[in-house]
PDB file of all heavy atoms in Angstrom:
ATOM      1  N   ASN A   1      32.214   7.774   4.360  1.00  0.00           N
ATOM      2  CA  ASN A   1      33.129   6.741   3.877  1.00  0.00           C
ATOM      3  C   ASN A   1      34.446   6.730   4.654  1.00  0.00           C
ATOM      4  O   ASN A   1      35.507   6.411   4.103  1.00  0.00           O
ATOM      5  CB  ASN A   1      33.415   6.933   2.389  1.00  0.00           C
ATOM      6  CG  ASN A   1      32.153   6.825   1.549  1.00  0.00           C
ATOM      7  OD1 ASN A   1      31.284   6.005   1.831  1.00  0.00           O
ATOM      8  ND2 ASN A   1      32.050   7.675   0.532  1.00  0.00           N
ATOM      9  N   ASN A   2      34.376   7.133   5.946  1.00  0.00           N
ATOM     10  CA  ASN A   2      35.559   7.168   6.813  1.00  0.00           C
ATOM     11  C   ASN A   2      36.666   8.068   6.273  1.00  0.00           C
ATOM     12  O   ASN A   2      37.851   7.824   6.462  1.00  0.00           O
ATOM     13  CB  ASN A   2      36.126   5.756   7.034  1.00  0.00           C
ATOM     14  CG  ASN A   2      35.205   4.902   7.878  1.00  0.00           C
ATOM     15  OD1 ASN A   2      34.493   5.418   8.739  1.00  0.00           O
ATOM     16  ND2 ASN A   2      35.208   3.606   7.639  1.00  0.00           N
ATOM     17  N   GLU A   3      36.280   9.140   5.576  1.00  0.00           N
ATOM     18  CA  GLU A   3      37.281  10.069   5.052  1.00  0.00           C
ATOM     19  C   GLU A   3      38.022  10.744   6.201  1.00  0.00           C
ATOM     20  O   GLU A   3      37.499  10.879   7.300  1.00  0.00           O
ATOM     21  CB  GLU A   3      36.616  11.125   4.176  1.00  0.00           C
ATOM     22  CG  GLU A   3      35.663  12.036   4.937  1.00  0.00           C
ATOM     23  CD  GLU A   3      34.991  13.053   4.026  1.00  0.00           C
ATOM     24  OE1 GLU A   3      35.692  13.963   3.577  1.00  0.00           O
ATOM     25  OE2 GLU A   3      33.780  12.911   3.785  1.00  0.00           O
ATOM     26  N   CYS A   4      39.234  11.163   5.920  1.00  0.00           N
ATOM     27  CA  CYS A   4      40.075  11.754   6.955  1.00  0.00           C
ATOM     28  C   CYS A   4      39.815  13.243   7.065  1.00  0.00           C
ATOM     29  O   CYS A   4      39.742  13.951   6.071  1.00  0.00           O
ATOM     30  CB  CYS A   4      41.543  11.495   6.624  1.00  0.00           C
ATOM     31  SG  CYS A   4      42.673  12.149   7.850  1.00  0.00           S
ATOM     32  N   TYR A   5      39.672  13.726   8.317  1.00  0.00           N
ATOM     33  CA  TYR A   5      39.465  15.144   8.559  1.00  0.00           C
ATOM     34  C   TYR A   5      40.784  15.910   8.690  1.00  0.00           C
ATOM     35  O   TYR A   5      40.785  17.112   8.814  1.00  0.00           O
ATOM     36  CB  TYR A   5      38.697  15.334   9.872  1.00  0.00           C
ATOM     37  CG  TYR A   5      37.207  15.137   9.766  1.00  0.00           C
ATOM     38  CD1 TYR A   5      36.578  14.144  10.504  1.00  0.00           C
ATOM     39  CD2 TYR A   5      36.435  15.976   8.970  1.00  0.00           C
ATOM     40  CE1 TYR A   5      35.204  13.977  10.438  1.00  0.00           C
ATOM     41  CE2 TYR A   5      35.061  15.801   8.896  1.00  0.00           C
ATOM     42  CZ  TYR A   5      34.449  14.810   9.636  1.00  0.00           C
ATOM     43  OH  TYR A   5      33.096  14.648   9.573  1.00  0.00           O
ATOM     44  N   ALA A   6      41.911  15.223   8.709  1.00  0.00           N
ATOM     45  CA  ALA A   6      43.166  15.859   9.095  1.00  0.00           C
ATOM     46  C   ALA A   6      43.546  17.035   8.225  1.00  0.00           C
ATOM     47  O   ALA A   6      44.261  17.927   8.657  1.00  0.00           O
ATOM     48  CB  ALA A   6      44.299  14.837   9.073  1.00  0.00           C
ATOM     49  N   ASN A   7      43.050  17.072   7.004  1.00  0.00           N
ATOM     50  CA  ASN A   7      43.451  18.139   6.102  1.00  0.00           C
ATOM     51  C   ASN A   7      42.606  19.393   6.234  1.00  0.00           C
ATOM     52  O   ASN A   7      42.850  20.378   5.534  1.00  0.00           O
ATOM     53  CB  ASN A   7      43.421  17.639   4.650  1.00  0.00           C
ATOM     54  CG  ASN A   7      44.516  16.624   4.393  1.00  0.00           C
ATOM     55  OD1 ASN A   7      45.549  16.649   5.041  1.00  0.00           O
ATOM     56  ND2 ASN A   7      44.277  15.710   3.470  1.00  0.00           N
ATOM     57  N   ASN A   8      41.595  19.390   7.083  1.00  0.00           N
ATOM     58  CA  ASN A   8      40.790  20.607   7.226  1.00  0.00           C
ATOM     59  C   ASN A   8      40.726  21.107   8.666  1.00  0.00           C
ATOM     60  O   ASN A   8      39.831  21.853   9.031  1.00  0.00           O
ATOM     61  CB  ASN A   8      39.370  20.392   6.678  1.00  0.00           C
ATOM     62  CG  ASN A   8      38.583  19.356   7.472  1.00  0.00           C
ATOM     63  OD1 ASN A   8      39.017  18.918   8.533  1.00  0.00           O
ATOM     64  ND2 ASN A   8      37.439  18.969   6.957  1.00  0.00           N
ATOM     65  N   GLY A   9      41.694  20.715   9.484  1.00  0.00           N
ATOM     66  CA  GLY A   9      41.791  21.262  10.836  1.00  0.00           C
ATOM     67  C   GLY A   9      40.978  20.561  11.891  1.00  0.00           C
ATOM     68  O   GLY A   9      40.961  20.985  13.046  1.00  0.00           O
ATOM     69  N   THR A  10      40.288  19.495  11.527  1.00  0.00           N
ATOM     70  CA  THR A  10      39.472  18.759  12.484  1.00  0.00           C
ATOM     71  C   THR A  10      40.203  17.494  12.923  1.00  0.00           C
ATOM     72  O   THR A  10      40.744  16.767  12.094  1.00  0.00           O
ATOM     73  CB  THR A  10      38.119  18.370  11.857  1.00  0.00           C
ATOM     74  OG1 THR A  10      37.439  19.562  11.466  1.00  0.00           O
ATOM     75  CG2 THR A  10      37.258  17.611  12.850  1.00  0.00           C
ATOM     76  N   LEU A  11      40.222  17.250  14.212  1.00  0.00           N
ATOM     77  CA  LEU A  11      40.890  16.064  14.746  1.00  0.00           C
ATOM     78  C   LEU A  11      39.847  15.039  15.171  1.00  0.00           C
ATOM     79  O   LEU A  11      38.914  15.357  15.903  1.00  0.00           O
ATOM     80  CB  LEU A  11      41.768  16.443  15.945  1.00  0.00           C
ATOM     81  CG  LEU A  11      42.402  15.271  16.707  1.00  0.00           C
ATOM     82  CD1 LEU A  11      43.378  14.519  15.807  1.00  0.00           C
ATOM     83  CD2 LEU A  11      43.097  15.762  17.967  1.00  0.00           C
ATOM     84  N   TYR A  12      40.019  13.814  14.726  1.00  0.00           N
ATOM     85  CA  TYR A  12      39.156  12.735  15.179  1.00  0.00           C
ATOM     86  C   TYR A  12      39.700  12.209  16.499  1.00  0.00           C
ATOM     87  O   TYR A  12      40.840  11.755  16.583  1.00  0.00           O
ATOM     88  CB  TYR A  12      39.095  11.606  14.152  1.00  0.00           C
ATOM     89  CG  TYR A  12      38.349  10.402  14.665  1.00  0.00           C
ATOM     90  CD1 TYR A  12      36.972  10.481  14.886  1.00  0.00           C
ATOM     91  CD2 TYR A  12      38.987   9.207  14.948  1.00  0.00           C
ATOM     92  CE1 TYR A  12      36.266   9.400  15.381  1.00  0.00           C
ATOM     93  CE2 TYR A  12      38.292   8.117  15.436  1.00  0.00           C
ATOM     94  CZ  TYR A  12      36.928   8.214  15.651  1.00  0.00           C
ATOM     95  OH  TYR A  12      36.237   7.144  16.155  1.00  0.00           O
ATOM     96  N   LEU A  13      38.889  12.302  17.551  1.00  0.00           N
ATOM     97  CA  LEU A  13      39.297  11.899  18.890  1.00  0.00           C
ATOM     98  C   LEU A  13      38.225  11.016  19.503  1.00  0.00           C
ATOM     99  O   LEU A  13      37.077  11.438  19.659  1.00  0.00           O
ATOM    100  CB  LEU A  13      39.520  13.136  19.774  1.00  0.00           C
ATOM    101  CG  LEU A  13      39.783  12.878  21.262  1.00  0.00           C
ATOM    102  CD1 LEU A  13      41.099  12.126  21.451  1.00  0.00           C
ATOM    103  CD2 LEU A  13      39.807  14.195  22.036  1.00  0.00           C
ATOM    104  N   ALA A  14      38.592   9.799  19.845  1.00  0.00           N
ATOM    105  CA  ALA A  14      37.673   8.874  20.514  1.00  0.00           C
ATOM    106  C   ALA A  14      38.147   8.660  21.941  1.00  0.00           C
ATOM    107  O   ALA A  14      39.307   8.333  22.176  1.00  0.00           O
ATOM    108  CB  ALA A  14      37.622   7.545  19.764  1.00  0.00           C
ATOM    109  N   LYS A  15      37.245   8.841  22.907  1.00  0.00           N
ATOM    110  CA  LYS A  15      37.573   8.653  24.328  1.00  0.00           C
ATOM    111  C   LYS A  15      36.728   7.477  24.824  1.00  0.00           C
ATOM    112  O   LYS A  15      35.573   7.646  25.236  1.00  0.00           O
ATOM    113  CB  LYS A  15      37.302   9.934  25.096  1.00  0.00           C
ATOM    114  CG  LYS A  15      38.067  11.132  24.510  1.00  0.00           C
ATOM    115  CD  LYS A  15      37.758  12.436  25.209  1.00  0.00           C
ATOM    116  CE  LYS A  15      38.599  12.588  26.449  1.00  0.00           C
ATOM    117  NZ  LYS A  15      38.508  13.961  26.997  1.00  0.00           N
ATOM    118  N   ILE A  16      37.337   6.310  24.786  1.00  0.00           N
ATOM    119  CA  ILE A  16      36.542   5.094  24.972  1.00  0.00           C
ATOM    120  C   ILE A  16      36.111   4.860  26.415  1.00  0.00           C
ATOM    121  O   ILE A  16      35.231   4.033  26.664  1.00  0.00           O
ATOM    122  CB  ILE A  16      37.292   3.859  24.428  1.00  0.00           C
ATOM    123  CG1 ILE A  16      38.611   3.650  25.165  1.00  0.00           C
ATOM    124  CG2 ILE A  16      37.541   3.999  22.942  1.00  0.00           C
ATOM    125  CD1 ILE A  16      39.333   2.388  24.727  1.00  0.00           C
ATOM    126  N   HIS A  17      36.722   5.568  27.363  1.00  0.00           N
ATOM    127  CA  HIS A  17      36.288   5.471  28.762  1.00  0.00           C
ATOM    128  C   HIS A  17      35.437   6.665  29.180  1.00  0.00           C
ATOM    129  O   HIS A  17      35.121   6.831  30.352  1.00  0.00           O
ATOM    130  CB  HIS A  17      37.494   5.337  29.701  1.00  0.00           C
ATOM    131  CG  HIS A  17      38.183   4.028  29.580  1.00  0.00           C
ATOM    132  ND1 HIS A  17      39.459   3.796  30.056  1.00  0.00           N
ATOM    133  CD2 HIS A  17      37.775   2.847  29.027  1.00  0.00           C
ATOM    134  CE1 HIS A  17      39.806   2.543  29.793  1.00  0.00           C
ATOM    135  NE2 HIS A  17      38.802   1.951  29.176  1.00  0.00           N
ATOM    136  N   GLY A  18      35.096   7.516  28.211  1.00  0.00           N
ATOM    137  CA  GLY A  18      34.280   8.682  28.514  1.00  0.00           C
ATOM    138  C   GLY A  18      35.116   9.905  28.816  1.00  0.00           C
ATOM    139  O   GLY A  18      36.337   9.917  28.657  1.00  0.00           O
ATOM    140  N   SER A  19      34.434  10.959  29.263  1.00  0.00           N
ATOM    141  CA  SER A  19      35.098  12.240  29.495  1.00  0.00           C
ATOM    142  C   SER A  19      34.438  12.963  30.656  1.00  0.00           C
ATOM    143  O   SER A  19      33.263  12.741  30.953  1.00  0.00           O
ATOM    144  CB  SER A  19      35.014  13.108  28.230  1.00  0.00           C
ATOM    145  OG  SER A  19      35.585  14.380  28.443  1.00  0.00           O
ATOM    146  N   ILE A  20      35.208  13.859  31.309  1.00  0.00           N
ATOM    147  CA  ILE A  20      34.640  14.624  32.420  1.00  0.00           C
ATOM    148  C   ILE A  20      33.709  15.719  31.909  1.00  0.00           C
ATOM    149  O   ILE A  20      32.944  16.286  32.694  1.00  0.00           O
ATOM    150  CB  ILE A  20      35.747  15.239  33.296  1.00  0.00           C
ATOM    151  CG1 ILE A  20      36.628  16.210  32.502  1.00  0.00           C
ATOM    152  CG2 ILE A  20      36.579  14.158  33.934  1.00  0.00           C
ATOM    153  CD1 ILE A  20      37.610  16.984  33.357  1.00  0.00           C
ATOM    154  N   GLU A  21      33.765  16.046  30.639  1.00  0.00           N
ATOM    155  CA  GLU A  21      32.821  16.993  30.032  1.00  0.00           C
ATOM    156  C   GLU A  21      32.374  16.438  28.685  1.00  0.00           C
ATOM    157  O   GLU A  21      33.177  16.367  27.746  1.00  0.00           O
ATOM    158  CB  GLU A  21      33.470  18.364  29.863  1.00  0.00           C
ATOM    159  CG  GLU A  21      33.628  19.134  31.152  1.00  0.00           C
ATOM    160  CD  GLU A  21      34.105  20.551  30.931  1.00  0.00           C
ATOM    161  OE1 GLU A  21      34.145  21.004  29.761  1.00  0.00           O
ATOM    162  OE2 GLU A  21      34.435  21.209  31.918  1.00  0.00           O
ATOM    163  N   PRO A  22      31.101  16.060  28.556  1.00  0.00           N
ATOM    164  CA  PRO A  22      30.132  16.008  29.648  1.00  0.00           C
ATOM    165  C   PRO A  22      30.483  14.887  30.629  1.00  0.00           C
ATOM    166  O   PRO A  22      31.272  14.007  30.291  1.00  0.00           O
ATOM    167  CB  PRO A  22      28.819  15.729  28.937  1.00  0.00           C
ATOM    168  CG  PRO A  22      29.229  14.952  27.722  1.00  0.00           C
ATOM    169  CD  PRO A  22      30.543  15.540  27.300  1.00  0.00           C
ATOM    170  N   LEU A  23      29.903  14.956  31.801  1.00  0.00           N
ATOM    171  CA  LEU A  23      30.230  13.970  32.841  1.00  0.00           C
ATOM    172  C   LEU A  23      29.635  12.631  32.457  1.00  0.00           C
ATOM    173  O   LEU A  23      28.520  12.275  32.851  1.00  0.00           O
ATOM    174  CB  LEU A  23      29.715  14.444  34.191  1.00  0.00           C
ATOM    175  CG  LEU A  23      30.053  13.550  35.395  1.00  0.00           C
ATOM    176  CD1 LEU A  23      31.545  13.262  35.436  1.00  0.00           C
ATOM    177  CD2 LEU A  23      29.593  14.177  36.682  1.00  0.00           C
ATOM    178  N   ASN A  24      30.393  11.904  31.692  1.00  0.00           N
ATOM    179  CA  ASN A  24      29.948  10.606  31.194  1.00  0.00           C
ATOM    180  C   ASN A  24      31.161   9.689  31.173  1.00  0.00           C
ATOM    181  O   ASN A  24      31.798   9.489  30.152  1.00  0.00           O
ATOM    182  CB  ASN A  24      29.349  10.751  29.794  1.00  0.00           C
ATOM    183  CG  ASN A  24      28.854   9.428  29.235  1.00  0.00           C
ATOM    184  OD1 ASN A  24      28.547   8.506  29.982  1.00  0.00           O
ATOM    185  ND2 ASN A  24      28.805   9.330  27.921  1.00  0.00           N
ATOM    186  N   ILE A  25      31.502   9.153  32.331  1.00  0.00           N
ATOM    187  CA  ILE A  25      32.726   8.377  32.450  1.00  0.00           C
ATOM    188  C   ILE A  25      32.432   6.954  32.890  1.00  0.00           C
ATOM    189  O   ILE A  25      31.446   6.681  33.573  1.00  0.00           O
ATOM    190  CB  ILE A  25      33.722   9.030  33.429  1.00  0.00           C
ATOM    191  CG1 ILE A  25      33.152   9.062  34.843  1.00  0.00           C
ATOM    192  CG2 ILE A  25      34.095  10.430  32.977  1.00  0.00           C
ATOM    193  CD1 ILE A  25      34.119   9.614  35.880  1.00  0.00           C
ATOM    194  N   ILE A  26      33.301   6.052  32.454  1.00  0.00           N
ATOM    195  CA  ILE A  26      33.266   4.672  32.918  1.00  0.00           C
ATOM    196  C   ILE A  26      34.308   4.566  34.015  1.00  0.00           C
ATOM    197  O   ILE A  26      35.509   4.704  33.740  1.00  0.00           O
ATOM    198  CB  ILE A  26      33.581   3.698  31.776  1.00  0.00           C
ATOM    199  CG1 ILE A  26      32.543   3.835  30.663  1.00  0.00           C
ATOM    200  CG2 ILE A  26      33.616   2.260  32.292  1.00  0.00           C
ATOM    201  CD1 ILE A  26      32.838   2.993  29.445  1.00  0.00           C
ATOM    202  N   PRO A  27      33.913   4.358  35.256  1.00  0.00           N
ATOM    203  CA  PRO A  27      34.885   4.338  36.367  1.00  0.00           C
ATOM    204  C   PRO A  27      35.948   3.268  36.175  1.00  0.00           C
ATOM    205  O   PRO A  27      35.686   2.226  35.559  1.00  0.00           O
ATOM    206  CB  PRO A  27      34.006   4.041  37.594  1.00  0.00           C
ATOM    207  CG  PRO A  27      32.632   4.442  37.198  1.00  0.00           C
ATOM    208  CD  PRO A  27      32.535   4.154  35.730  1.00  0.00           C
TER     209      PRO A  27
END
């Protein structure tokens, strides 16, 4: 239900262009 993780030490992070680990990037 889209609950927030902020209160238990977990950070929600979205990398919309990808990431170097794993190597999955949008140039």
